[in-house]
Amino acid sequence: MSINRIARRRAVPAALAAALVGAAVAVALPTTALAGGNDNGHGHGHPRNVIFVNGDGMGAAHREAARLALAGFEGDLAMDSLPVTGLETTDPRDPDDTITDSAAAATAWATGEKTYNGAISVDVDGNPLVTLGAEAEAAGKATGIVTTAQVTDASPAAFFANTPDRGLQDQIAEQYLEVTKPEVILGGGEDWWLPAGNEGVYAPRTAAEQGSETDPEVSRSTRGDLVAEAQGLGYEYVTDAASLEAAEGDQLLGLFSNEEMFQQRPEGEGDEYDPVVPLADMTSKALDTLSADRDGFFLLVEEEAVDEMSHANNATRMLQAMAALDDAVQVARDYVAEHPDTLLIVTGDHECGGLTVEDVDDADESGPGGTLDGTPAVEDQISGEDGPFAVADSDEEFVLDWTTSGHTGVPTVVTAEGVGSDALVGYHPNTHLHDVVHEALFGR
């Protein structure tokens, strides 16, 4: 399937420059985003939907470890049962780094252009770029965010905001409300929506409660009370599972934690994966809400804990996050089965942890090694193994071996089904996913 590529650099007009100094902006979109008039650019008069699922930090080994633990030798995860498979490279265009972060990777998906680490849909020179979320809203489609991270974290932000620094999360929230206006926003990060001193529903957590190297979880919006602003704009605000289930509006803001919807720590050091609302339930509610729009929708779904538990080399919690992610994928698959004009993509923005799956073997541990300059390593510098873990429906076990606490540059797996998914077969840069999604949403 050929993809008519849009111009690689679709820079936003000068009116967007205000985003770079913290003001709300108005996006002026190129006419190509609106081609096709009332048939949404499809040429055949019916809407198309896209569900884009990001297992943040998820590489092939994460998927295989989850398959063994959850489904066994003969089983498959929902994400691995999709009929189309490909690989994507993830390198950024950073002056200092070869390996991507989530911001640069998500920008490649959202805009079709590679950029530097930390950038939220701005190019390497800091110029704002048009995002899929903004284009979808301009074309009359509904849009949504579902994540276990802060809703303003790097991956969702890249689809709906422009800023040179991923850390400006209150500015990102303000852009959601005043510029791109996604109809559904569900996840964590209440702290970035409320000003200092207004701690909202979720009590602050001190640095000591989380680990001495972390910042306290306290409200920190410098843009005023953004929850109140959202309510004034018509968003129904929910903060727990019961209020989410009862919500009936067509604009929905749900914030279910101070920051992430879990606690990222090494095993036994305050680590926790027990979201107030499961990812699958947030996904189901988002689909129910967005599917009411007759023009179609774009939904981003993200499981952040795969990445952050991998940073902590915490395989137990990582596998819990993988199970939650696969439950959400099954919700999406069920939707696609009833709505075949929907494209579903499941992938990871990068790999985290340098993870591999190994046999249980006490002798197979790398032990102290050398460094790149030939000097001896410190005595306790060994590769970290977790496990053993049981292979489901068998008597066998496996261990997981981490080689880093950071990101790696290995390609990530892409699986997909639905309209346009055949274009994902093969080995592509991550910007290719942008082009496939763009065609599915808007046509050539």
Protein backbone atom coordinates (compact mmCIF):
# COMPACT_ATOMS: atom_id res chain seq x y z
CA MET A 1 0.00 0.00 0.00
CA SER A 2 1.55 3.28 -1.04
CA ILE A 3 1.47 6.29 1.24
CA ASN A 4 1.32 9.73 -0.32
CA ARG A 5 3.56 11.50 2.10
CA ILE A 6 2.70 14.97 3.21
CA ALA A 7 5.50 17.52 3.35
CA ARG A 8 8.10 16.41 5.87
CA ARG A 9 8.26 19.80 7.56
CA ARG A 10 4.77 21.14 8.30
CA ALA A 11 5.78 24.07 10.48
CA VAL A 12 3.09 26.08 12.20
CA PRO A 13 2.67 29.76 11.30
CA ALA A 14 4.21 32.46 13.47
CA ALA A 15 1.10 32.70 15.65
CA LEU A 16 2.29 29.52 17.33
CA ALA A 17 5.54 31.05 18.50
CA ALA A 18 3.74 32.20 21.63
CA ALA A 19 3.63 28.57 22.73
CA LEU A 20 7.37 28.68 23.26
CA VAL A 21 7.05 31.37 25.93
CA GLY A 22 4.11 29.82 27.71
CA ALA A 23 1.04 31.46 26.18
CA ALA A 24 -2.00 29.68 24.77
CA VAL A 25 -1.88 29.40 21.00
CA ALA A 26 -4.18 29.06 18.02
CA VAL A 27 -3.05 26.48 15.50
CA ALA A 28 -3.36 27.35 11.82
CA LEU A 29 -3.41 24.08 9.91
CA PRO A 30 -2.33 23.47 6.34
CA THR A 31 -5.11 22.87 3.86
CA THR A 32 -3.91 19.29 3.35
CA ALA A 33 -5.19 18.48 6.82
CA LEU A 34 -8.73 19.32 5.75
CA ALA A 35 -8.75 17.88 2.25
CA GLY A 36 -11.87 16.07 1.24
CA GLY A 37 -14.56 18.29 2.73
CA ASN A 38 -17.51 16.54 4.35
CA ASP A 39 -16.19 13.03 3.66
CA ASN A 40 -13.13 13.78 5.86
CA GLY A 41 -10.74 13.24 3.00
CA HIS A 42 -11.53 9.54 2.62
CA GLY A 43 -13.18 9.83 -0.75
CA HIS A 44 -15.93 7.41 0.23
CA GLY A 45 -18.03 9.29 2.76
CA HIS A 46 -17.55 7.42 6.03
CA PRO A 47 -15.35 8.23 9.01
CA ARG A 48 -12.23 6.39 10.03
CA ASN A 49 -10.96 6.00 13.58
CA VAL A 50 -7.49 5.36 14.95
CA ILE A 51 -6.58 3.80 18.30
CA PHE A 52 -2.85 4.23 18.92
CA VAL A 53 -1.50 2.21 21.86
CA ASN A 54 1.92 2.96 23.33
CA GLY A 55 3.57 0.57 25.75
CA ASP A 56 6.11 3.15 26.85
CA GLY A 57 9.54 1.51 26.98
CA MET A 58 8.22 -1.77 25.56
CA GLY A 59 10.62 -3.80 23.45
CA ALA A 60 10.37 -7.30 22.05
CA ALA A 61 11.70 -8.86 25.26
CA HIS A 62 9.00 -7.15 27.34
CA ARG A 63 6.35 -8.61 25.06
CA GLU A 64 7.89 -12.09 25.16
CA ALA A 65 8.28 -12.05 28.95
CA ALA A 66 4.63 -11.07 29.30
CA ARG A 67 3.58 -13.77 26.84
CA LEU A 68 5.40 -16.46 28.80
CA ALA A 69 4.10 -15.25 32.16
CA LEU A 70 0.51 -14.58 31.12
CA ALA A 71 -0.23 -16.95 28.23
CA GLY A 72 2.47 -19.63 28.25
CA PHE A 73 4.31 -21.40 25.45
CA GLU A 74 1.19 -22.04 23.37
CA GLY A 75 -0.57 -18.75 24.08
CA ASP A 76 -0.58 -15.25 22.68
CA LEU A 77 -1.10 -11.81 24.12
CA ALA A 78 -3.89 -9.75 22.61
CA MET A 79 -1.25 -7.36 21.26
CA ASP A 80 0.61 -10.22 19.57
CA SER A 81 -2.58 -11.66 18.04
CA LEU A 82 -2.93 -8.70 15.69
CA PRO A 83 -2.48 -9.86 12.07
CA VAL A 84 0.07 -7.24 10.93
CA THR A 85 3.63 -7.05 12.28
CA GLY A 86 6.54 -4.74 11.58
CA LEU A 87 9.51 -3.07 13.24
CA GLU A 88 10.31 0.59 13.79
CA THR A 89 13.60 2.34 14.47
CA THR A 90 13.53 4.99 17.18
CA ASP A 91 16.61 7.22 16.88
CA PRO A 92 16.10 10.96 17.52
CA ARG A 93 17.88 13.95 15.98
CA ASP A 94 19.55 15.12 19.15
CA PRO A 95 22.93 16.92 19.09
CA ASP A 96 24.15 14.96 22.10
CA ASP A 97 22.25 11.65 22.24
CA THR A 98 21.95 8.64 19.95
CA ILE A 99 19.11 7.11 21.96
CA THR A 100 15.65 8.65 22.05
CA ASP A 101 13.54 9.74 24.97
CA SER A 102 9.74 9.56 24.96
CA ALA A 103 9.28 13.17 23.86
CA ALA A 104 11.33 12.89 20.68
CA ALA A 105 9.84 9.49 19.86
CA ALA A 106 6.26 10.65 20.31
CA THR A 107 6.98 13.79 18.30
CA ALA A 108 8.06 11.56 15.39
CA TRP A 109 4.70 9.76 15.60
CA ALA A 110 2.65 12.92 16.08
CA THR A 111 4.26 15.13 13.44
CA GLY A 112 6.27 12.93 11.08
CA GLU A 113 9.49 14.75 11.95
CA LYS A 114 12.40 13.69 14.14
CA THR A 115 13.66 16.09 16.79
CA TYR A 116 15.79 16.44 19.91
CA ASN A 117 15.16 14.73 23.24
CA GLY A 118 12.80 16.67 25.48
CA ALA A 119 11.04 18.38 22.57
CA ILE A 120 7.24 18.31 22.45
CA SER A 121 6.32 18.61 18.76
CA VAL A 122 8.85 21.28 17.90
CA ASP A 123 11.58 20.73 15.32
CA VAL A 124 15.32 20.76 15.96
CA ASP A 125 15.30 24.57 15.73
CA GLY A 126 12.44 24.91 18.22
CA ASN A 127 9.73 25.68 15.65
CA PRO A 128 6.29 24.25 16.48
CA LEU A 129 4.96 21.49 14.22
CA VAL A 130 1.40 20.49 13.38
CA THR A 131 0.30 17.46 15.38
CA LEU A 132 -2.12 14.65 14.55
CA GLY A 133 -4.29 15.65 17.49
CA ALA A 134 -4.64 19.23 16.25
CA GLU A 135 -5.34 18.06 12.71
CA ALA A 136 -7.99 15.61 13.87
CA GLU A 137 -9.79 18.28 15.87
CA ALA A 138 -9.63 20.71 12.93
CA ALA A 139 -11.14 18.02 10.70
CA GLY A 140 -14.09 17.63 13.07
CA LYS A 141 -13.02 14.38 14.67
CA ALA A 142 -13.14 13.68 18.40
CA THR A 143 -9.82 13.06 20.15
CA GLY A 144 -8.71 11.59 23.44
CA ILE A 145 -5.86 10.71 25.80
CA VAL A 146 -5.74 7.69 28.13
CA THR A 147 -2.57 7.08 30.14
CA THR A 148 -1.27 5.85 33.47
CA ALA A 149 1.31 8.66 33.37
CA GLN A 150 0.47 12.30 33.91
CA VAL A 151 -1.92 13.24 31.12
CA THR A 152 0.56 16.00 30.30
CA ASP A 153 3.59 13.68 30.14
CA ALA A 154 5.74 13.49 27.02
CA SER A 155 3.90 10.88 24.94
CA PRO A 156 0.36 12.30 25.13
CA ALA A 157 1.67 15.86 25.07
CA ALA A 158 3.39 15.40 21.71
CA PHE A 159 0.04 14.65 20.04
CA PHE A 160 -1.73 17.70 21.46
CA ALA A 161 0.80 20.42 22.38
CA ASN A 162 3.94 22.29 21.30
CA THR A 163 6.70 23.22 23.72
CA PRO A 164 10.50 23.07 23.63
CA ASP A 165 10.62 21.45 27.08
CA ARG A 166 8.62 18.37 28.11
CA GLY A 167 8.81 19.54 31.73
CA LEU A 168 6.37 22.43 31.17
CA GLN A 169 3.40 20.25 32.02
CA ASP A 170 1.07 22.99 33.25
CA GLN A 171 1.63 24.86 29.98
CA ILE A 172 0.81 21.63 28.15
CA ALA A 173 -2.44 21.28 30.12
CA GLU A 174 -3.35 24.86 29.25
CA GLN A 175 -2.79 24.14 25.56
CA TYR A 176 -5.09 21.12 25.80
CA LEU A 177 -7.88 23.36 27.07
CA GLU A 178 -7.32 26.44 24.95
CA VAL A 179 -5.82 25.16 21.70
CA THR A 180 -6.23 21.50 20.74
CA LYS A 181 -9.22 20.70 23.00
CA PRO A 182 -9.26 16.88 23.16
CA GLU A 183 -12.68 15.69 24.28
CA VAL A 184 -11.36 12.98 26.63
CA ILE A 185 -8.38 13.37 28.99
CA LEU A 186 -7.93 10.48 31.46
CA GLY A 187 -4.90 9.61 33.58
CA GLY A 188 -2.67 10.99 36.32
CA GLY A 189 -1.02 14.31 37.05
CA GLU A 190 -3.50 16.29 39.15
CA ASP A 191 -0.55 18.31 40.52
CA TRP A 192 -0.05 20.07 37.18
CA TRP A 193 -3.67 21.27 36.98
CA LEU A 194 -3.90 22.96 40.38
CA PRO A 195 -1.92 25.90 41.79
CA ALA A 196 0.38 25.57 44.80
CA GLY A 197 -1.58 25.21 48.02
CA ASN A 198 -4.61 23.61 46.35
CA GLU A 199 -3.90 19.91 46.78
CA GLY A 200 -7.17 18.70 45.29
CA VAL A 201 -8.42 15.15 45.81
CA TYR A 202 -5.08 13.38 46.19
CA ALA A 203 -3.00 14.17 49.27
CA PRO A 204 0.57 15.29 48.60
CA ARG A 205 3.32 12.70 48.96
CA THR A 206 6.59 13.83 50.47
CA ALA A 207 9.96 13.05 48.94
CA ALA A 208 10.65 10.72 51.86
CA GLU A 209 7.47 8.76 51.16
CA GLN A 210 8.59 8.19 47.59
CA GLY A 211 12.35 7.88 48.02
CA SER A 212 14.79 10.59 48.95
CA GLU A 213 15.92 11.30 45.40
CA THR A 214 12.47 12.28 44.14
CA ASP A 215 10.57 15.54 44.36
CA PRO A 216 7.53 15.80 46.60
CA GLU A 217 4.19 15.34 44.87
CA VAL A 218 2.47 18.69 45.43
CA SER A 219 0.30 20.93 43.27
CA ARG A 220 2.42 23.15 41.06
CA SER A 221 0.43 24.78 38.25
CA THR A 222 1.73 28.23 37.36
CA ARG A 223 -1.21 28.73 34.99
CA GLY A 224 -3.93 28.99 37.60
CA ASP A 225 -6.64 26.48 38.46
CA LEU A 226 -6.85 24.50 35.22
CA VAL A 227 -9.42 22.07 36.62
CA ALA A 228 -11.80 24.99 37.18
CA GLU A 229 -11.00 26.28 33.70
CA ALA A 230 -11.80 22.87 32.22
CA GLN A 231 -15.10 22.74 34.05
CA GLY A 232 -15.93 26.21 32.78
CA LEU A 233 -15.29 24.97 29.24
CA GLY A 234 -17.78 22.11 29.69
CA TYR A 235 -15.56 19.23 30.81
CA GLU A 236 -17.06 16.85 33.34
CA TYR A 237 -14.37 16.33 36.01
CA VAL A 238 -13.99 12.90 37.61
CA THR A 239 -11.46 11.61 40.14
CA ASP A 240 -12.25 7.95 40.84
CA ALA A 241 -13.67 4.80 39.28
CA ALA A 242 -17.25 5.41 40.37
CA SER A 243 -17.44 8.96 39.02
CA LEU A 244 -15.80 7.85 35.77
CA GLU A 245 -18.33 5.09 35.28
CA ALA A 246 -21.21 7.48 35.98
CA ALA A 247 -19.95 10.25 33.69
CA GLU A 248 -22.21 10.97 30.73
CA GLY A 249 -20.81 14.11 29.12
CA ASP A 250 -19.10 14.37 25.75
CA GLN A 251 -16.13 16.21 27.32
CA LEU A 252 -14.37 14.35 30.08
CA LEU A 253 -11.39 15.20 32.30
CA GLY A 254 -10.32 12.51 34.77
CA LEU A 255 -7.27 12.89 37.02
CA PHE A 256 -6.67 9.87 39.25
CA SER A 257 -3.35 10.56 41.01
CA ASN A 258 -0.91 13.31 41.91
CA GLU A 259 1.61 12.26 39.28
CA GLU A 260 1.83 8.77 37.68
CA MET A 261 -0.85 6.25 38.62
CA PHE A 262 1.77 4.01 40.26
CA GLN A 263 4.98 4.30 42.30
CA GLN A 264 8.21 3.61 40.41
CA ARG A 265 10.71 2.00 42.78
CA PRO A 266 12.96 -1.06 42.80
CA GLU A 267 11.40 -4.19 44.29
CA GLY A 268 10.54 -3.81 47.93
CA GLU A 269 11.33 -0.10 48.10
CA GLY A 270 7.86 1.37 47.95
CA ASP A 271 7.07 0.13 44.45
CA GLU A 272 3.38 -0.03 43.65
CA TYR A 273 1.21 -0.78 40.64
CA ASP A 274 -2.44 -0.41 41.64
CA PRO A 275 -4.08 2.36 39.57
CA VAL A 276 -7.27 3.93 40.94
CA VAL A 277 -8.86 3.13 37.58
CA PRO A 278 -7.44 0.30 35.43
CA LEU A 279 -6.11 1.24 32.01
CA ALA A 280 -8.66 -1.03 30.34
CA ASP A 281 -11.55 0.74 32.08
CA MET A 282 -10.26 4.17 31.06
CA THR A 283 -9.90 2.90 27.49
CA SER A 284 -13.42 1.52 27.45
CA LYS A 285 -14.90 4.79 28.73
CA ALA A 286 -12.90 6.82 26.24
CA LEU A 287 -14.11 4.68 23.34
CA ASP A 288 -17.72 4.96 24.51
CA THR A 289 -17.41 8.74 24.67
CA LEU A 290 -15.46 9.35 21.45
CA SER A 291 -17.46 6.94 19.31
CA ALA A 292 -20.51 9.20 19.67
CA ASP A 293 -18.85 11.56 17.19
CA ARG A 294 -20.11 10.67 13.70
CA ASP A 295 -16.95 12.11 12.11
CA GLY A 296 -14.68 9.54 13.74
CA PHE A 297 -11.95 9.86 16.35
CA PHE A 298 -8.28 9.57 17.30
CA LEU A 299 -7.42 7.99 20.67
CA LEU A 300 -3.98 7.65 22.26
CA VAL A 301 -3.69 4.93 24.93
CA GLU A 302 -0.49 4.62 26.97
CA GLU A 303 0.83 2.35 29.70
CA GLU A 304 3.66 4.33 31.25
CA ALA A 305 4.66 1.85 33.96
CA VAL A 306 6.32 -0.51 31.48
CA ASP A 307 8.98 2.15 31.01
CA GLU A 308 9.29 3.42 34.54
CA MET A 309 9.38 -0.02 36.16
CA SER A 310 12.03 -0.94 33.59
CA HIS A 311 14.05 2.11 34.61
CA ALA A 312 13.94 0.66 38.14
CA ASN A 313 14.78 -2.84 36.80
CA ASN A 314 11.61 -4.02 38.54
CA ALA A 315 10.42 -6.98 36.49
CA THR A 316 7.57 -7.94 38.82
CA ARG A 317 5.87 -4.57 38.47
CA MET A 318 6.78 -4.35 34.78
CA LEU A 319 4.90 -7.61 34.16
CA GLN A 320 1.88 -6.24 36.05
CA ALA A 321 1.95 -3.20 33.79
CA MET A 322 2.23 -5.41 30.71
CA ALA A 323 -0.85 -7.36 31.84
CA ALA A 324 -2.78 -4.11 32.26
CA LEU A 325 -1.64 -2.93 28.85
CA ASP A 326 -2.75 -6.15 27.19
CA ASP A 327 -6.17 -5.89 28.87
CA ALA A 328 -6.53 -2.43 27.30
CA VAL A 329 -5.46 -3.80 23.92
CA GLN A 330 -8.19 -6.42 24.19
CA VAL A 331 -10.75 -3.65 24.79
CA ALA A 332 -9.48 -1.95 21.65
CA ARG A 333 -9.58 -5.19 19.67
CA ASP A 334 -13.18 -5.77 20.69
CA TYR A 335 -14.01 -2.28 19.44
CA VAL A 336 -12.29 -2.87 16.10
CA ALA A 337 -14.20 -6.14 15.67
CA GLU A 338 -17.44 -4.15 15.73
CA HIS A 339 -16.07 -1.11 13.85
CA PRO A 340 -13.89 -2.37 10.97
CA ASP A 341 -13.16 1.15 9.70
CA THR A 342 -10.84 1.56 12.71
CA LEU A 343 -7.04 1.27 12.64
CA LEU A 344 -5.46 -0.19 15.79
CA ILE A 345 -1.69 0.12 16.31
CA VAL A 346 0.23 -1.28 19.30
CA THR A 347 3.92 -0.47 19.75
CA GLY A 348 6.53 0.99 22.07
CA ASP A 349 8.23 4.35 21.71
CA HIS A 350 11.62 2.85 22.62
CA GLU A 351 13.04 -0.06 24.61
CA CYS A 352 13.96 0.45 28.27
CA GLY A 353 16.26 -1.61 30.44
CA GLY A 354 18.17 -3.59 27.84
CA LEU A 355 15.95 -6.51 28.80
CA THR A 356 16.44 -10.12 27.76
CA VAL A 357 14.74 -13.41 28.62
CA GLU A 358 16.98 -16.20 29.93
CA ASP A 359 16.88 -19.70 31.36
CA VAL A 360 17.22 -20.15 35.10
CA ASP A 361 20.95 -20.77 35.50
CA ASP A 362 22.92 -19.62 38.53
CA ALA A 363 26.14 -19.93 36.56
CA ASP A 364 24.88 -17.67 33.75
CA GLU A 365 25.50 -14.34 35.45
CA SER A 366 27.97 -11.97 33.86
CA GLY A 367 29.63 -10.95 37.12
CA PRO A 368 32.06 -8.06 37.42
CA GLY A 369 33.27 -6.92 34.03
CA GLY A 370 35.48 -4.35 32.41
CA THR A 371 34.77 -0.83 31.24
CA LEU A 372 35.16 0.67 27.79
CA ASP A 373 38.59 2.10 28.63
CA GLY A 374 39.84 -1.26 29.90
CA THR A 375 39.83 -0.47 33.62
CA PRO A 376 38.26 -3.03 35.97
CA ALA A 377 34.64 -2.58 36.96
CA VAL A 378 33.62 -2.17 40.57
CA GLU A 379 33.03 -5.43 42.38
CA ASP A 380 29.24 -5.17 42.54
CA GLN A 381 28.80 -4.08 38.91
CA ILE A 382 26.93 -7.11 37.58
CA SER A 383 23.96 -7.43 35.30
CA GLY A 384 20.72 -7.50 37.25
CA GLU A 385 18.48 -10.53 37.05
CA ASP A 386 14.88 -10.79 38.26
CA GLY A 387 12.96 -13.99 38.82
CA PRO A 388 12.51 -16.78 38.38
CA PHE A 389 9.02 -16.35 36.91
CA ALA A 390 6.71 -19.22 36.05
CA VAL A 391 5.79 -19.94 32.45
CA ALA A 392 1.99 -20.08 32.49
CA ASP A 393 0.42 -23.55 32.22
CA SER A 394 3.78 -25.32 32.56
CA ASP A 395 6.40 -26.40 35.07
CA GLU A 396 9.06 -24.25 33.44
CA GLU A 397 10.55 -20.97 34.63
CA PHE A 398 12.55 -18.08 33.19
CA VAL A 399 14.51 -15.12 34.46
CA LEU A 400 14.72 -11.57 33.17
CA ASP A 401 18.12 -9.93 32.85
CA TRP A 402 18.55 -6.15 32.74
CA THR A 403 21.63 -4.58 31.18
CA THR A 404 20.86 -0.91 31.88
CA SER A 405 18.48 1.33 33.80
CA GLY A 406 18.12 3.57 30.75
CA HIS A 407 16.69 3.46 27.24
CA THR A 408 18.28 1.49 24.42
CA GLY A 409 18.25 1.95 20.66
CA VAL A 410 16.91 -1.42 19.55
CA PRO A 411 13.93 -1.33 17.15
CA THR A 412 10.51 -1.87 18.69
CA VAL A 413 7.77 -4.20 17.49
CA VAL A 414 4.67 -2.80 15.77
CA THR A 415 1.50 -4.89 15.58
CA ALA A 416 -1.71 -3.67 14.02
CA GLU A 417 -5.07 -4.47 12.45
CA GLY A 418 -7.77 -2.61 10.60
CA VAL A 419 -7.89 -0.07 7.82
CA GLY A 420 -4.44 0.79 6.46
CA SER A 421 -2.55 -1.58 8.74
CA ASP A 422 -0.87 -3.44 5.88
CA ALA A 423 1.36 -0.38 5.32
CA LEU A 424 3.09 -1.17 8.61
CA VAL A 425 4.60 -4.45 7.43
CA GLY A 426 8.39 -4.20 7.18
CA TYR A 427 11.19 -2.23 8.78
CA HIS A 428 10.54 1.50 9.02
CA PRO A 429 11.55 4.66 10.89
CA ASN A 430 9.10 5.72 13.58
CA THR A 431 8.01 8.66 11.41
CA HIS A 432 6.39 6.11 9.09
CA LEU A 433 3.72 5.46 11.72
CA HIS A 434 2.71 9.11 11.46
CA ASP A 435 2.15 8.78 7.72
CA VAL A 436 0.06 5.63 8.09
CA VAL A 437 -2.11 7.18 10.81
CA HIS A 438 -2.48 10.40 8.82
CA GLU A 439 -3.77 8.55 5.78
CA ALA A 440 -6.15 6.46 7.87
CA LEU A 441 -7.63 9.57 9.47
CA PHE A 442 -7.65 11.99 6.54
CA GLY A 443 -6.99 10.10 3.31
CA ARG A 444 -4.33 11.01 0.80
